[in-house]
Amino acid sequence: MKKTLLFIVSIFLMSACSSVKKTQEAINNGNYERAINIALDNLKKNKAKKGNQPYVFMLQDAFAKVTVKDLSRINFLKKDKNPENLEEIFGLYETLKNRQEIIKPLLPLPILKKNKNAKFQFSNYDEEIISTKNKLSDFLYVKAKKLFSFNDKFEYRKAYDELAYLEKINANFKDVRNLMVLAQQRGVDFVFVSMKNETEKVIPTRLEEDLLNFDTYGLNDLWTIYHSKKDAKITYDFGLELNLRSIEVSPEQVREKQIIKEKQIVNGFKYLLDDNGNQVKDSLGKKIKVDKLLNVRCEFYQFTQFKAAKVSGQVKYVDLVSKQTVQVYPIQSEFVFEHLYARFDGDKRALEESLLDLLILKAIAFPTNEEMIYDTGNDLKQKLKSIITRNRFRN
């Protein structure tokens, strides 16, 4: 018991020492945020614990150093006087404030040997945050409005991103929300989806409807919208053509397989006889029974109904502005109908349980060619979705 206790204590001490070492290494490497996080995690558990005292000193050290580092960076960026730096300056001020707010709930942090509390030099950054936010908001607003003047989809998307960030840091600033809507409308790609049947076979109407029902694909996103029915008010940027080039349906087949099963089974009992034909008894005078074994044989006939359909084609991406084919991807789908049933001749006690299950089943009607072609649709739809997901119209 003592050995076990000593082992547990040793493991605990090694773990604690390792954590302290990692914190100090983080400080030495300039990774102050990591050092602060490790120290805070340990102090939150028990800030008055003697074993946690190293974390108090390292938290002080890391906080002081990272504060100096951030303020130095802010001063440098301000001297550069480049408005592009406003976002970083704003982020640094927010980081300075948030870091203080994370530490405050733990205060006071006692220094046990000196019977006093650790000191942290906190500052109020609210004025700097508000001032920088206002300057940044004006800069982002002007920048986004300028991007509108290029009348280019990618520039509209950049404008949207700038406005979305502006809305995040300064909600409802001027007419930002209206501009975001406008940027999204002008930056979106409209894709017209169509299907061509080049197979010389009739495609079920419901299959075509399912394949072109892009509402069920879940592919529409912020910058791409798919339509299977043209809207006269919309100028489409791209076309997605699903060209079916081959439909093959195999003949209906019934495959037969014969299996012969033989087994020795227990078929009642008989009394044990000695060499003279007398019944053998046990120590209590009871007649000894033994199993009566019987050899059984069964001819098992397994039937497999089989029919397959395969649809092949290609997915073509077309730039409707330049009238050029952008890319072509092959697509293929297969559906297999297979039904098993069986009959037997002989003693079915020779059969395993798995074979007995097939004896319950009977032959069923084969699906029609139209049904087979339609049943390829689910797989074809998933493969079409996979192609579109992996290969966007614009990168």
Foldseek 3Di string as FASTA:
>chain_A
DVVVVVVVVVVVVVVLVVLLVVLVVCVVVVVLVVNLVSLLVVCVVPLPDPSSLSSQVSNQVSLVVVVVVLVVVLVVLVVVVDLVCLVVNLVSLVVLVVSVVSCVVSPQRADVVVRHGDDHDHDDCVVVNVVSLVSNLVVLVVCLVVLVVVLALVSLVVSLVSLVVNCVSPNPDPCSVVSNVVSLVSNAAEEAEEEAEQAPDDADPVLRVVLQPCVVLPPDDSRYDYDPDDDPVDDHFKYKYWYWNHKDKDDKDKDKDKDKFKDKDFDAKDFDADPVRHFDADPVRHTDIDTDIDMWMKIKMKIKIKMKMKIWTKIWMAGPVVRHTDDIGIAMFMDMDIDMAIDMDTDCVRDDPVSVVRPVDDDDDDDDSNVNSSVRSVVRSVVVSVVCVVDPPPD
